[in-house]
Amino acid sequence: MFLVLLGFFAPSARAANEVGPEGSHYLVYDFTNDWLVYSSQYNNYIPYSSALNETDLSVSLLVDLLKNRRYDLLISTSKENYLFVEGALQKKLTPDEWLVLSVDSLRKLYKKDEILLTLYGSAGKEDKTVLIGHAKRTTATPGTTAKSSPLSFINIKPLRTSPFGDFSVLLILLLLVLTLFTYAGSPSLFRRFITPADFFDRSERNDLYRFNRPYGRFMFMIALIVSMAIGYLILFLAHYGFDLFATSGFLSDGTTLTDFLTDSAKLTFLFLGLLFLKFIMMEIVSGVLNLDRIVNSHYIRALQLSYIFYGVCIIVFFGISLQNPLWFRQLGPYLLYIAIFYYLARFGLLYIFTNSSGQFINLYLFSYLCVIEIIPLIVGVKFAN
């Protein structure tokens, strides 16, 4: 009788330890009591509570890949869900079908000892099963994925927004719109403005510099774009921990979208005013040194260089911030040197291409450029943090 009862219960006992598609694995660990949910209050993951989180559509697990080497990760849901690994969408899970992922392949792919696994779709955790299993055999079973490439699916990173990220997108779009209006108002003039051929043209008959005035509509729009770009770069660097100038009291130091937009407007008008103040200083100094004819050429050439330099900086910085924000921590000590190199190079170019025919005394021209270009640079470096 004992042997009969043992034979009667043994199959069910053995089946309870067999999991996965068609019982292809032996159970190693069950994650039933390890589910986590994200708490916006604590900005972290906290243990799942049936009383509080039964309506949550997203539940997560931390899977130790190092401890479970040579095993498989088994995932099954009774309702339609989506699988996220490390915040990236990987696969749509079909109800009542097993997904088998090699732990060793996951560790090799992500180069981590622990990964975050998230299931999104149905409420709660009751319809979700995640197990660690040991395969009975090494041959693939129906309904499993290839172990050599466990996540050969789509890889869509979730859109993580922040107030500063939203501000960056809005301001860059605004810069593009202003550029579009500037181009639409004077297409030929805009093309000549951004073409290096006109900048390197030393002819006095170049009408780009003879007939355009710094206070004209076109140059005003360019100055506005440059001012907005400089203001954005200062806010951008301050957001990543590089506050070049002491701005306490002038800027709000807030963290909302409205605060960033307000600070950007303040900086834009500040730098726009400084550009026109610079033009006034150029008129005064040039009158003293009898260099009135080079003011327009100097101002417009300086705007050309600034437009290109700050535009490239915005594109490069914003693009890198989307991929690897930690890069700025390595570049931080060199940012001031990059700015100094740019202004010194600009000084040299302006000295060469402003004096088109050598009709001015070099000492006068050099003194004029020192007052307008070098002295503001020295003052700025002195007050930079």
Protein backbone atom coordinates (compact mmCIF):
# COMPACT_ATOMS: atom_id res chain seq x y z
CA MET A 1 0.00 0.00 0.00
CA PHE A 2 2.88 2.37 0.79
CA LEU A 3 4.51 1.78 -2.59
CA VAL A 4 1.17 2.26 -4.35
CA LEU A 5 0.57 5.57 -2.58
CA LEU A 6 4.15 6.64 -3.28
CA GLY A 7 3.72 5.86 -6.97
CA PHE A 8 0.40 7.72 -6.98
CA PHE A 9 1.80 10.98 -5.47
CA ALA A 10 5.30 10.92 -6.96
CA PRO A 11 4.28 12.11 -10.45
CA SER A 12 2.50 15.17 -9.06
CA ALA A 13 5.41 15.97 -6.78
CA ARG A 14 7.79 15.73 -9.72
CA ALA A 15 5.49 17.86 -11.91
CA ALA A 16 5.36 20.61 -9.28
CA ASN A 17 9.11 21.10 -9.72
CA GLU A 18 8.91 21.12 -13.52
CA VAL A 19 8.22 24.54 -15.03
CA GLY A 20 8.47 26.35 -18.31
CA PRO A 21 7.18 25.33 -21.75
CA GLU A 22 6.12 21.65 -21.56
CA GLY A 23 7.96 21.25 -18.25
CA SER A 24 11.33 21.79 -19.89
CA HIS A 25 13.02 23.26 -16.79
CA TYR A 26 13.49 22.45 -13.13
CA LEU A 27 12.44 25.27 -10.83
CA VAL A 28 15.35 27.09 -9.16
CA TYR A 29 13.71 30.28 -7.88
CA ASP A 30 10.26 31.90 -7.98
CA PHE A 31 10.02 35.72 -8.01
CA THR A 32 6.42 35.77 -6.73
CA ASN A 33 7.34 37.68 -3.57
CA ASP A 34 10.01 39.92 -5.11
CA TRP A 35 7.90 42.31 -7.19
CA LEU A 36 8.63 46.04 -6.98
CA VAL A 37 6.77 49.20 -8.01
CA TYR A 38 8.16 52.66 -8.73
CA SER A 39 7.32 55.33 -6.14
CA SER A 40 7.33 58.94 -7.35
CA GLN A 41 7.39 60.04 -3.71
CA TYR A 42 10.73 58.34 -3.00
CA ASN A 43 12.04 58.39 -6.61
CA ASN A 44 12.92 54.74 -6.22
CA TYR A 45 11.51 51.23 -6.39
CA ILE A 46 9.68 49.90 -3.32
CA PRO A 47 8.21 46.44 -2.54
CA TYR A 48 4.87 45.61 -4.13
CA SER A 49 1.83 45.74 -1.82
CA SER A 50 -1.37 43.95 -2.83
CA ALA A 51 -3.48 46.47 -0.95
CA LEU A 52 -1.84 49.56 -2.47
CA ASN A 53 -0.59 48.48 -5.89
CA GLU A 54 -3.16 46.05 -7.22
CA THR A 55 -4.24 48.57 -9.87
CA ASP A 56 -0.71 49.45 -11.02
CA LEU A 57 -0.09 48.58 -14.66
CA SER A 58 3.67 48.32 -14.24
CA VAL A 59 5.58 45.99 -11.89
CA SER A 60 9.32 45.34 -11.82
CA LEU A 61 11.95 42.88 -10.63
CA LEU A 62 15.66 43.05 -9.91
CA VAL A 63 17.24 39.92 -11.37
CA ASP A 64 20.66 38.87 -10.08
CA LEU A 65 22.47 37.58 -13.17
CA LEU A 66 25.71 36.74 -11.40
CA LYS A 67 24.07 34.45 -8.86
CA ASN A 68 21.94 32.70 -11.48
CA ARG A 69 24.58 31.95 -14.09
CA ARG A 70 23.96 28.93 -16.36
CA TYR A 71 20.23 29.15 -15.63
CA ASP A 72 17.34 30.49 -17.71
CA LEU A 73 14.86 33.28 -17.00
CA LEU A 74 11.27 32.10 -17.61
CA ILE A 75 8.51 34.66 -18.14
CA SER A 76 4.81 34.02 -18.65
CA THR A 77 1.63 36.13 -18.38
CA SER A 78 -2.02 35.22 -18.69
CA LYS A 79 -2.80 38.64 -20.19
CA GLU A 80 -1.11 40.73 -22.83
CA ASN A 81 1.93 42.60 -21.44
CA TYR A 82 5.09 44.30 -22.62
CA LEU A 83 8.57 43.37 -21.45
CA PHE A 84 11.05 46.14 -20.59
CA VAL A 85 14.67 45.42 -19.67
CA GLU A 86 16.71 48.28 -18.19
CA GLY A 87 14.02 50.75 -19.23
CA ALA A 88 14.00 49.69 -22.89
CA LEU A 89 11.03 48.04 -24.58
CA GLN A 90 12.04 44.57 -25.74
CA LYS A 91 9.03 42.42 -26.59
CA LYS A 92 5.27 42.08 -26.56
CA LEU A 93 4.37 39.03 -24.47
CA THR A 94 1.70 36.72 -25.84
CA PRO A 95 -0.73 35.46 -23.15
CA ASP A 96 -0.13 31.94 -21.82
CA GLU A 97 3.13 31.51 -23.71
CA TRP A 98 6.54 31.14 -22.08
CA LEU A 99 9.49 33.34 -22.93
CA VAL A 100 12.84 31.74 -22.11
CA LEU A 101 15.93 33.97 -21.82
CA SER A 102 19.46 32.81 -21.10
CA VAL A 103 20.86 34.47 -17.97
CA ASP A 104 24.44 34.16 -19.30
CA SER A 105 23.45 35.84 -22.55
CA LEU A 106 21.71 38.64 -20.67
CA ARG A 107 24.81 39.23 -18.57
CA LYS A 108 27.00 39.28 -21.67
CA LEU A 109 24.63 41.62 -23.49
CA TYR A 110 24.10 44.18 -20.70
CA LYS A 111 27.51 43.79 -19.03
CA LYS A 112 25.87 44.01 -15.61
CA ASP A 113 25.50 41.66 -12.65
CA GLU A 114 21.94 42.83 -12.00
CA ILE A 115 19.23 44.08 -14.35
CA LEU A 116 15.83 45.68 -13.91
CA LEU A 117 13.00 43.79 -15.57
CA THR A 118 9.58 45.44 -15.95
CA LEU A 119 6.24 44.05 -17.13
CA TYR A 120 3.66 46.58 -18.27
CA GLY A 121 0.11 46.01 -19.41
CA SER A 122 -2.25 44.36 -16.95
CA ALA A 123 -2.99 45.49 -13.39
CA GLY A 124 -1.29 43.84 -10.43
CA LYS A 125 1.03 40.86 -10.33
CA GLU A 126 -1.34 37.91 -10.10
CA ASP A 127 -1.28 37.10 -13.82
CA LYS A 128 2.51 37.38 -14.09
CA THR A 129 5.02 34.59 -13.51
CA VAL A 130 8.79 35.02 -13.55
CA LEU A 131 11.02 32.10 -12.61
CA ILE A 132 14.63 31.00 -12.66
CA GLY A 133 14.88 27.50 -14.12
CA HIS A 134 17.50 24.91 -14.98
CA ALA A 135 16.99 23.39 -18.41
CA LYS A 136 16.56 19.63 -18.60
CA ARG A 137 18.24 19.61 -22.00
CA THR A 138 20.25 22.04 -24.09
CA THR A 139 18.17 21.70 -27.24
CA ALA A 140 15.69 24.48 -27.91
CA THR A 141 12.05 23.82 -27.16
CA PRO A 142 9.06 25.18 -29.04
CA GLY A 143 8.08 28.69 -27.97
CA THR A 144 11.51 29.66 -26.67
CA THR A 145 13.87 32.29 -27.91
CA ALA A 146 17.41 31.66 -29.10
CA LYS A 147 19.84 31.78 -26.20
CA SER A 148 22.64 33.18 -28.30
CA SER A 149 20.59 36.32 -28.89
CA PRO A 150 17.98 36.55 -26.14
CA LEU A 151 16.84 40.09 -26.90
CA SER A 152 16.89 40.33 -30.68
CA PHE A 153 13.73 42.41 -30.69
CA ILE A 154 12.98 46.07 -31.07
CA ASN A 155 14.91 48.30 -28.69
CA ILE A 156 12.99 51.49 -28.04
CA LYS A 157 14.22 53.68 -25.21
CA PRO A 158 11.41 55.25 -23.19
CA LEU A 159 10.97 59.02 -23.46
CA ARG A 160 12.15 60.49 -20.18
CA THR A 161 11.19 64.11 -19.96
CA SER A 162 12.36 66.75 -17.50
CA PRO A 163 11.61 70.47 -17.18
CA PHE A 164 15.05 71.38 -18.54
CA GLY A 165 14.70 68.86 -21.36
CA ASP A 166 11.34 70.35 -22.33
CA PHE A 167 12.87 73.84 -22.13
CA SER A 168 15.77 72.78 -24.37
CA VAL A 169 13.43 71.43 -27.03
CA LEU A 170 11.23 74.54 -26.93
CA LEU A 171 14.16 76.95 -27.12
CA ILE A 172 15.87 75.08 -29.97
CA LEU A 173 12.58 75.05 -31.88
CA LEU A 174 12.26 78.80 -31.24
CA LEU A 175 15.79 79.35 -32.57
CA LEU A 176 14.90 77.37 -35.69
CA VAL A 177 11.72 79.42 -36.18
CA LEU A 178 13.63 82.71 -35.82
CA THR A 179 16.22 81.44 -38.28
CA LEU A 180 13.44 80.51 -40.70
CA PHE A 181 11.88 84.00 -40.46
CA THR A 182 15.30 85.59 -40.94
CA TYR A 183 15.93 83.50 -44.03
CA ALA A 184 12.44 84.11 -45.42
CA GLY A 185 12.90 87.87 -45.06
CA SER A 186 16.19 87.99 -47.01
CA PRO A 187 17.13 84.62 -48.55
CA SER A 188 20.08 85.86 -50.59
CA LEU A 189 21.45 87.96 -47.72
CA PHE A 190 21.13 85.05 -45.28
CA ARG A 191 22.96 82.70 -47.66
CA ARG A 192 25.77 85.21 -48.03
CA PHE A 193 25.89 85.75 -44.27
CA ILE A 194 26.61 82.08 -43.53
CA THR A 195 28.89 81.56 -46.55
CA PRO A 196 32.62 81.61 -45.71
CA ALA A 197 33.43 83.14 -49.10
CA ASP A 198 32.06 86.54 -48.07
CA PHE A 199 33.83 86.47 -44.73
CA PHE A 200 37.22 85.85 -46.37
CA ASP A 201 36.58 88.46 -49.06
CA ARG A 202 38.82 91.42 -48.28
CA SER A 203 37.43 93.65 -51.02
CA GLU A 204 36.14 97.05 -49.88
CA ARG A 205 33.34 96.79 -52.43
CA ASN A 206 31.68 93.85 -50.69
CA ASP A 207 28.14 95.16 -50.22
CA LEU A 208 27.44 92.71 -47.38
CA TYR A 209 29.50 94.95 -45.10
CA ARG A 210 29.07 98.31 -46.84
CA PHE A 211 25.27 98.61 -47.01
CA ASN A 212 24.05 96.54 -44.05
CA ARG A 213 23.74 98.33 -40.73
CA PRO A 214 24.01 96.66 -37.30
CA TYR A 215 20.68 98.20 -36.31
CA GLY A 216 18.91 96.99 -39.48
CA ARG A 217 16.15 94.36 -39.33
CA PHE A 218 18.29 91.49 -40.62
CA MET A 219 21.24 92.14 -38.31
CA PHE A 220 18.89 92.70 -35.39
CA MET A 221 17.39 89.22 -35.93
CA ILE A 222 20.87 87.69 -36.11
CA ALA A 223 21.89 89.47 -32.91
CA LEU A 224 18.71 88.23 -31.22
CA ILE A 225 19.46 84.62 -32.27
CA VAL A 226 23.07 84.89 -31.05
CA SER A 227 21.96 86.40 -27.73
CA MET A 228 19.39 83.65 -27.22
CA ALA A 229 22.01 81.01 -28.04
CA ILE A 230 24.53 82.42 -25.54
CA GLY A 231 21.85 82.60 -22.83
CA TYR A 232 20.82 79.00 -23.47
CA LEU A 233 24.42 77.77 -23.28
CA ILE A 234 24.90 79.48 -19.91
CA LEU A 235 21.72 77.84 -18.56
CA PHE A 236 22.75 74.54 -20.11
CA LEU A 237 26.16 74.55 -18.44
CA ALA A 238 24.67 75.70 -15.13
CA HIS A 239 22.18 72.81 -15.29
CA TYR A 240 25.09 70.36 -15.56
CA GLY A 241 27.01 71.94 -12.70
CA PHE A 242 29.20 74.48 -14.54
CA ASP A 243 27.97 77.88 -13.43
CA LEU A 244 30.52 80.06 -15.23
CA PHE A 245 29.30 83.34 -13.77
CA ALA A 246 27.79 84.22 -10.42
CA THR A 247 24.14 84.62 -11.41
CA SER A 248 22.53 84.52 -7.98
CA GLY A 249 19.97 87.28 -7.65
CA PHE A 250 19.62 87.78 -11.39
CA LEU A 251 18.33 84.32 -12.28
CA SER A 252 15.57 82.51 -10.45
CA ASP A 253 17.57 79.27 -9.93
CA GLY A 254 14.24 77.45 -10.30
CA THR A 255 13.66 73.97 -11.68
CA THR A 256 10.35 74.39 -13.51
CA LEU A 257 9.77 75.04 -17.19
CA THR A 258 8.48 78.56 -16.43
CA ASP A 259 11.63 79.37 -14.44
CA PHE A 260 13.89 78.25 -17.28
CA LEU A 261 11.93 80.27 -19.85
CA THR A 262 12.04 83.37 -17.62
CA ASP A 263 15.79 83.04 -17.05
CA SER A 264 16.33 82.53 -20.78
CA ALA A 265 14.40 85.72 -21.57
CA LYS A 266 16.47 87.69 -19.02
CA LEU A 267 19.77 86.43 -20.45
CA THR A 268 18.63 87.02 -24.04
CA PHE A 269 17.81 90.69 -23.42
CA LEU A 270 20.98 91.10 -21.36
CA PHE A 271 23.26 89.85 -24.14
CA LEU A 272 21.28 91.69 -26.81
CA GLY A 273 21.85 94.90 -24.85
CA LEU A 274 25.55 94.07 -24.48
CA LEU A 275 25.87 93.55 -28.24
CA PHE A 276 24.46 96.98 -28.96
CA LEU A 277 26.55 98.47 -26.16
CA LYS A 278 29.55 96.93 -27.89
CA PHE A 279 28.50 98.59 -31.16
CA ILE A 280 28.31 101.97 -29.40
CA MET A 281 31.79 101.42 -27.95
CA MET A 282 33.04 100.51 -31.42
CA GLU A 283 31.67 103.79 -32.79
CA ILE A 284 33.34 105.79 -30.00
CA VAL A 285 36.76 104.08 -30.22
CA SER A 286 36.77 104.11 -34.02
CA GLY A 287 35.99 107.83 -34.00
CA VAL A 288 38.95 108.49 -31.71
CA LEU A 289 41.32 106.43 -33.89
CA ASN A 290 39.80 107.51 -37.23
CA LEU A 291 38.67 103.97 -38.09
CA ASP A 292 35.01 104.70 -38.79
CA ARG A 293 34.95 102.74 -42.06
CA ILE A 294 35.68 99.38 -40.43
CA VAL A 295 32.92 99.42 -37.79
CA ASN A 296 30.25 97.78 -39.94
CA SER A 297 32.66 95.18 -41.29
CA HIS A 298 33.97 94.38 -37.82
CA TYR A 299 30.54 94.08 -36.23
CA ILE A 300 29.01 91.93 -39.00
CA ARG A 301 32.06 89.63 -39.24
CA ALA A 302 31.98 89.15 -35.47
CA LEU A 303 28.28 88.23 -35.70
CA GLN A 304 29.06 85.74 -38.48
CA LEU A 305 31.63 83.95 -36.33
CA SER A 306 29.42 84.03 -33.23
CA TYR A 307 26.39 82.71 -35.13
CA ILE A 308 28.35 79.71 -36.42
CA PHE A 309 30.31 79.01 -33.23
CA TYR A 310 27.40 79.15 -30.78
CA GLY A 311 25.12 77.31 -33.19
CA VAL A 312 27.60 74.44 -33.42
CA CYS A 313 28.01 74.44 -29.62
CA ILE A 314 24.25 74.10 -29.10
CA ILE A 315 23.98 71.22 -31.57
CA VAL A 316 26.99 69.36 -30.13
CA PHE A 317 26.16 69.91 -26.45
CA PHE A 318 22.48 69.07 -26.80
CA GLY A 319 23.22 65.99 -28.89
CA ILE A 320 25.77 64.66 -26.42
CA SER A 321 23.49 65.36 -23.44
CA LEU A 322 20.94 62.95 -24.94
CA GLN A 323 23.51 60.17 -25.14
CA ASN A 324 26.06 60.64 -22.36
CA PRO A 325 25.56 63.55 -19.91
CA LEU A 326 28.58 62.40 -17.86
CA TRP A 327 30.76 63.53 -20.75
CA PHE A 328 30.38 67.12 -19.53
CA ARG A 329 32.05 66.29 -16.23
CA GLN A 330 35.17 65.30 -18.16
CA LEU A 331 34.99 68.32 -20.46
CA GLY A 332 34.15 70.81 -17.70
CA PRO A 333 37.70 71.98 -16.84
CA TYR A 334 38.37 72.71 -20.52
CA LEU A 335 35.23 74.71 -21.37
CA LEU A 336 36.79 78.04 -20.43
CA TYR A 337 39.87 77.26 -22.52
CA ILE A 338 37.67 76.49 -25.52
CA ALA A 339 35.99 79.89 -25.17
CA ILE A 340 39.36 81.66 -24.80
CA PHE A 341 40.73 79.88 -27.88
CA TYR A 342 37.65 80.88 -29.90
CA TYR A 343 37.91 84.57 -28.98
CA LEU A 344 41.65 84.69 -29.63
CA ALA A 345 41.15 83.01 -33.02
CA ARG A 346 38.36 85.49 -33.76
CA PHE A 347 40.67 88.36 -32.83
CA GLY A 348 43.27 87.13 -35.32
CA LEU A 349 40.75 86.62 -38.12
CA LEU A 350 39.19 90.04 -37.58
CA TYR A 351 42.61 91.68 -37.59
CA ILE A 352 43.49 90.01 -40.90
CA PHE A 353 40.24 90.51 -42.78
CA THR A 354 39.13 93.89 -41.42
CA ASN A 355 42.13 95.84 -42.70
CA SER A 356 41.49 94.99 -46.33
CA SER A 357 44.09 97.15 -48.04
CA GLY A 358 46.50 98.07 -45.27
CA GLN A 359 45.29 101.66 -45.37
CA PHE A 360 45.10 101.92 -41.58
CA ILE A 361 48.01 102.23 -39.24
CA ASN A 362 48.49 98.76 -37.73
CA LEU A 363 49.02 100.20 -34.25
CA TYR A 364 45.67 101.97 -34.40
CA LEU A 365 43.86 98.89 -35.68
CA PHE A 366 45.50 96.66 -33.08
CA SER A 367 44.64 99.11 -30.29
CA TYR A 368 41.05 99.34 -31.52
CA LEU A 369 40.62 95.55 -31.57
CA CYS A 370 42.25 95.20 -28.14
CA VAL A 371 39.78 97.65 -26.63
CA ILE A 372 36.77 96.01 -28.30
CA GLU A 373 37.76 92.30 -28.27
CA ILE A 374 40.60 91.52 -25.87
CA ILE A 375 39.73 93.71 -22.87
CA PRO A 376 36.14 92.34 -22.59
CA LEU A 377 37.61 88.83 -22.85
CA ILE A 378 40.08 89.51 -20.02
CA VAL A 379 37.32 90.95 -17.83
CA GLY A 380 35.07 87.99 -18.58
CA VAL A 381 37.79 85.44 -17.74
CA LYS A 382 38.56 87.26 -14.49
CA PHE A 383 34.95 87.02 -13.31
CA ALA A 384 34.37 83.47 -14.60
CA ASN A 385 34.20 80.83 -11.91
